[in-house]
Amino acid sequence: MCRAITGSIAGPGEEKVPGAGGLGKPLSWEDWERIMREAGLTAADMRHARQVNAVADAFGFKTMLEAILDANKRAERSVLRRLHRRIKQSASR
């Protein structure tokens, strides 16, 4: 969720932006939440989207993406090492 997409959406307790949301109707927080729920997003999905937006705003999208990709590489290697140990243990029995 990028600021370019969400910049016109008023968060909880924020002021609605006139003319935002298309067709002259402001998109309130409740409208956004309803649309997201209708699209199948859960409360956890929406919370995650807000967290991604906040982190990208604070550190920049590139920095966030690099950190995520680096963590994924480390996790993948860790899982593969653990599974490989299981293969070696099974072979030694």
N, C-alpha and C. Protein backbone atom coordinates (compact mmCIF):
# COMPACT_ATOMS: atom_id res chain seq x y z
N MET A 1 0.86 -1.16 0.00
CA MET A 1 0.00 0.00 0.00
C MET A 1 0.91 1.22 0.00
N CYS A 2 0.98 1.91 -1.08
CA CYS A 2 1.86 3.06 -1.21
C CYS A 2 1.11 4.34 -0.88
N ARG A 3 1.84 5.34 -0.46
CA ARG A 3 1.25 6.62 -0.12
C ARG A 3 0.52 7.20 -1.32
N ALA A 4 1.04 6.94 -2.54
CA ALA A 4 0.37 7.47 -3.73
C ALA A 4 -1.03 6.92 -3.86
N ILE A 5 -1.23 5.70 -3.39
CA ILE A 5 -2.54 5.07 -3.47
C ILE A 5 -3.41 5.49 -2.29
N THR A 6 -2.82 5.57 -1.12
CA THR A 6 -3.61 5.78 0.09
C THR A 6 -3.62 7.21 0.57
N GLY A 7 -2.90 8.10 -0.10
CA GLY A 7 -2.79 9.47 0.37
C GLY A 7 -4.12 10.17 0.52
N SER A 8 -5.14 9.72 -0.20
CA SER A 8 -6.43 10.39 -0.12
C SER A 8 -7.38 9.73 0.87
N ILE A 9 -6.91 8.71 1.55
CA ILE A 9 -7.76 7.99 2.49
C ILE A 9 -7.52 8.51 3.90
N ALA A 10 -8.58 8.87 4.57
CA ALA A 10 -8.47 9.35 5.94
C ALA A 10 -8.40 8.15 6.87
N GLY A 11 -7.38 8.09 7.70
CA GLY A 11 -7.25 7.02 8.69
C GLY A 11 -8.15 7.31 9.88
N PRO A 12 -8.18 6.39 10.83
CA PRO A 12 -9.01 6.61 12.01
C PRO A 12 -8.63 7.92 12.69
N GLY A 13 -9.59 8.78 12.90
CA GLY A 13 -9.34 10.03 13.57
C GLY A 13 -8.74 11.12 12.68
N GLU A 14 -8.52 10.80 11.39
CA GLU A 14 -7.96 11.79 10.48
C GLU A 14 -9.07 12.50 9.72
N GLU A 15 -8.74 13.66 9.22
CA GLU A 15 -9.71 14.45 8.46
C GLU A 15 -9.86 13.87 7.05
N LYS A 16 -11.10 13.85 6.55
CA LYS A 16 -11.35 13.39 5.19
C LYS A 16 -10.87 14.46 4.23
N VAL A 17 -10.32 14.02 3.11
CA VAL A 17 -9.82 14.94 2.11
C VAL A 17 -10.91 15.17 1.07
N PRO A 18 -11.38 16.42 0.92
CA PRO A 18 -12.44 16.69 -0.06
C PRO A 18 -12.01 16.31 -1.47
N GLY A 19 -12.92 15.68 -2.19
CA GLY A 19 -12.65 15.33 -3.58
C GLY A 19 -11.85 14.05 -3.74
N ALA A 20 -11.34 13.47 -2.66
CA ALA A 20 -10.58 12.23 -2.75
C ALA A 20 -11.55 11.07 -2.83
N GLY A 21 -11.13 9.99 -3.40
CA GLY A 21 -11.95 8.79 -3.44
C GLY A 21 -12.73 8.66 -4.74
N GLY A 22 -12.57 9.56 -5.65
CA GLY A 22 -13.19 9.43 -6.96
C GLY A 22 -14.62 9.93 -7.00
N LEU A 23 -15.03 10.40 -8.15
CA LEU A 23 -16.38 10.87 -8.42
C LEU A 23 -16.86 11.89 -7.40
N GLY A 24 -15.95 12.67 -6.85
CA GLY A 24 -16.31 13.75 -5.96
C GLY A 24 -16.69 13.34 -4.56
N LYS A 25 -16.63 12.07 -4.23
CA LYS A 25 -17.00 11.60 -2.91
C LYS A 25 -15.73 11.28 -2.11
N PRO A 26 -15.56 11.87 -0.93
CA PRO A 26 -14.39 11.53 -0.11
C PRO A 26 -14.45 10.06 0.31
N LEU A 27 -13.29 9.42 0.31
CA LEU A 27 -13.20 8.04 0.75
C LEU A 27 -12.82 8.04 2.22
N SER A 28 -13.78 7.74 3.07
CA SER A 28 -13.53 7.72 4.52
C SER A 28 -12.81 6.43 4.89
N TRP A 29 -12.32 6.43 6.12
CA TRP A 29 -11.68 5.21 6.64
C TRP A 29 -12.67 4.05 6.61
N GLU A 30 -13.90 4.30 6.98
CA GLU A 30 -14.92 3.24 7.00
C GLU A 30 -15.19 2.73 5.59
N ASP A 31 -15.23 3.64 4.60
CA ASP A 31 -15.42 3.22 3.20
C ASP A 31 -14.27 2.33 2.75
N TRP A 32 -13.03 2.77 3.06
CA TRP A 32 -11.85 1.99 2.67
C TRP A 32 -11.90 0.61 3.30
N GLU A 33 -12.20 0.56 4.59
CA GLU A 33 -12.25 -0.71 5.30
C GLU A 33 -13.33 -1.62 4.72
N ARG A 34 -14.49 -1.06 4.40
CA ARG A 34 -15.58 -1.85 3.81
C ARG A 34 -15.16 -2.41 2.45
N ILE A 35 -14.54 -1.58 1.63
CA ILE A 35 -14.10 -2.03 0.31
C ILE A 35 -13.07 -3.16 0.44
N MET A 36 -12.15 -3.02 1.36
CA MET A 36 -11.13 -4.04 1.56
C MET A 36 -11.75 -5.35 2.06
N ARG A 37 -12.70 -5.26 2.98
CA ARG A 37 -13.38 -6.47 3.47
C ARG A 37 -14.16 -7.15 2.35
N GLU A 38 -14.83 -6.35 1.52
CA GLU A 38 -15.57 -6.91 0.39
C GLU A 38 -14.63 -7.59 -0.60
N ALA A 39 -13.39 -7.12 -0.66
CA ALA A 39 -12.39 -7.73 -1.53
C ALA A 39 -11.77 -8.97 -0.91
N GLY A 40 -12.17 -9.29 0.33
CA GLY A 40 -11.70 -10.51 0.98
C GLY A 40 -10.56 -10.33 1.97
N LEU A 41 -10.15 -9.10 2.23
CA LEU A 41 -9.07 -8.88 3.19
C LEU A 41 -9.59 -9.01 4.62
N THR A 42 -8.75 -9.54 5.47
CA THR A 42 -9.09 -9.67 6.88
C THR A 42 -8.53 -8.47 7.63
N ALA A 43 -8.89 -8.36 8.89
CA ALA A 43 -8.34 -7.29 9.73
C ALA A 43 -6.82 -7.40 9.79
N ALA A 44 -6.30 -8.62 9.85
CA ALA A 44 -4.85 -8.83 9.88
C ALA A 44 -4.21 -8.39 8.57
N ASP A 45 -4.87 -8.66 7.44
CA ASP A 45 -4.36 -8.21 6.14
C ASP A 45 -4.26 -6.69 6.09
N MET A 46 -5.30 -6.02 6.58
CA MET A 46 -5.32 -4.56 6.56
C MET A 46 -4.28 -3.98 7.50
N ARG A 47 -4.10 -4.61 8.66
CA ARG A 47 -3.09 -4.16 9.62
C ARG A 47 -1.70 -4.30 8.98
N HIS A 48 -1.47 -5.42 8.29
CA HIS A 48 -0.19 -5.66 7.62
C HIS A 48 0.04 -4.60 6.53
N ALA A 49 -0.99 -4.29 5.77
CA ALA A 49 -0.87 -3.28 4.71
C ALA A 49 -0.50 -1.93 5.31
N ARG A 50 -1.10 -1.57 6.45
CA ARG A 50 -0.76 -0.30 7.09
C ARG A 50 0.68 -0.31 7.60
N GLN A 51 1.13 -1.47 8.11
CA GLN A 51 2.50 -1.58 8.60
C GLN A 51 3.50 -1.45 7.44
N VAL A 52 3.20 -2.11 6.32
CA VAL A 52 4.06 -2.02 5.14
C VAL A 52 4.16 -0.56 4.70
N ASN A 53 3.03 0.12 4.66
CA ASN A 53 3.00 1.52 4.26
C ASN A 53 3.84 2.38 5.21
N ALA A 54 3.70 2.16 6.51
CA ALA A 54 4.44 2.95 7.49
C ALA A 54 5.94 2.71 7.37
N VAL A 55 6.34 1.46 7.20
CA VAL A 55 7.77 1.13 7.09
C VAL A 55 8.34 1.69 5.78
N ALA A 56 7.60 1.56 4.69
CA ALA A 56 8.07 2.10 3.41
C ALA A 56 8.19 3.61 3.48
N ASP A 57 7.25 4.27 4.14
CA ASP A 57 7.33 5.72 4.30
C ASP A 57 8.54 6.13 5.15
N ALA A 58 8.81 5.36 6.20
CA ALA A 58 9.89 5.71 7.13
C ALA A 58 11.28 5.43 6.57
N PHE A 59 11.44 4.29 5.90
CA PHE A 59 12.77 3.86 5.46
C PHE A 59 12.96 3.88 3.95
N GLY A 60 11.89 4.02 3.22
CA GLY A 60 11.95 3.95 1.76
C GLY A 60 11.64 2.53 1.31
N PHE A 61 10.96 2.43 0.18
CA PHE A 61 10.53 1.12 -0.31
C PHE A 61 11.72 0.23 -0.62
N LYS A 62 12.78 0.80 -1.24
CA LYS A 62 13.94 0.00 -1.61
C LYS A 62 14.61 -0.63 -0.38
N THR A 63 14.81 0.15 0.66
CA THR A 63 15.42 -0.35 1.90
C THR A 63 14.56 -1.45 2.51
N MET A 64 13.25 -1.23 2.54
CA MET A 64 12.35 -2.24 3.09
C MET A 64 12.43 -3.53 2.29
N LEU A 65 12.39 -3.42 0.97
CA LEU A 65 12.42 -4.60 0.11
C LEU A 65 13.73 -5.36 0.27
N GLU A 66 14.85 -4.64 0.32
CA GLU A 66 16.15 -5.29 0.51
C GLU A 66 16.19 -6.06 1.83
N ALA A 67 15.66 -5.47 2.89
CA ALA A 67 15.64 -6.15 4.20
C ALA A 67 14.77 -7.40 4.15
N ILE A 68 13.63 -7.31 3.48
CA ILE A 68 12.73 -8.48 3.37
C ILE A 68 13.39 -9.58 2.57
N LEU A 69 14.00 -9.23 1.43
CA LEU A 69 14.65 -10.24 0.60
C LEU A 69 15.83 -10.89 1.32
N ASP A 70 16.59 -10.09 2.06
CA ASP A 70 17.72 -10.63 2.83
C ASP A 70 17.23 -11.60 3.90
N ALA A 71 16.16 -11.23 4.59
CA ALA A 71 15.60 -12.12 5.62
C ALA A 71 15.07 -13.41 5.00
N ASN A 72 14.47 -13.31 3.82
CA ASN A 72 13.96 -14.51 3.15
C ASN A 72 15.11 -15.45 2.76
N LYS A 73 16.20 -14.89 2.28
CA LYS A 73 17.37 -15.72 1.93
C LYS A 73 17.88 -16.46 3.15
N ARG A 74 18.02 -15.73 4.27
CA ARG A 74 18.51 -16.37 5.50
C ARG A 74 17.56 -17.46 5.97
N ALA A 75 16.27 -17.21 5.91
CA ALA A 75 15.28 -18.20 6.35
C ALA A 75 15.34 -19.43 5.45
N GLU A 76 15.44 -19.22 4.15
CA GLU A 76 15.50 -20.36 3.22
C GLU A 76 16.71 -21.23 3.49
N ARG A 77 17.87 -20.60 3.69
CA ARG A 77 19.08 -21.38 3.97
C ARG A 77 18.95 -22.15 5.28
N SER A 78 18.37 -21.52 6.27
CA SER A 78 18.20 -22.17 7.57
C SER A 78 17.30 -23.39 7.44
N VAL A 79 16.19 -23.25 6.74
CA VAL A 79 15.26 -24.38 6.57
C VAL A 79 15.94 -25.50 5.78
N LEU A 80 16.65 -25.15 4.72
CA LEU A 80 17.32 -26.18 3.93
C LEU A 80 18.38 -26.93 4.74
N ARG A 81 19.14 -26.20 5.58
CA ARG A 81 20.13 -26.87 6.43
C ARG A 81 19.45 -27.84 7.39
N ARG A 82 18.34 -27.40 8.00
CA ARG A 82 17.61 -28.26 8.94
C ARG A 82 17.08 -29.50 8.23
N LEU A 83 16.50 -29.34 7.06
CA LEU A 83 15.98 -30.49 6.32
C LEU A 83 17.11 -31.42 5.87
N HIS A 84 18.24 -30.83 5.48
CA HIS A 84 19.37 -31.67 5.07
C HIS A 84 19.90 -32.50 6.24
N ARG A 85 19.91 -31.92 7.43
CA ARG A 85 20.33 -32.69 8.62
C ARG A 85 19.40 -33.88 8.84
N ARG A 86 18.11 -33.68 8.57
CA ARG A 86 17.15 -34.79 8.73
C ARG A 86 17.45 -35.91 7.74
N ILE A 87 17.84 -35.54 6.52
CA ILE A 87 18.21 -36.55 5.52
C ILE A 87 19.41 -37.34 6.00
N LYS A 88 20.42 -36.64 6.49
CA LYS A 88 21.64 -37.29 6.95
C LYS A 88 21.35 -38.20 8.15
N GLN A 89 20.46 -37.73 9.06
CA GLN A 89 20.10 -38.54 10.23
C GLN A 89 19.36 -39.81 9.80
N SER A 90 18.47 -39.70 8.83
CA SER A 90 17.70 -40.85 8.35
C SER A 90 18.62 -41.85 7.66
N ALA A 91 19.62 -41.37 6.94
CA ALA A 91 20.54 -42.24 6.22
C ALA A 91 21.46 -42.98 7.17
N SER A 92 21.74 -42.42 8.33
CA SER A 92 22.67 -43.05 9.27
C SER A 92 21.99 -44.10 10.14
N ARG A 93 20.70 -44.26 10.03
CA ARG A 93 19.98 -45.24 10.87
C ARG A 93 19.99 -46.59 10.27
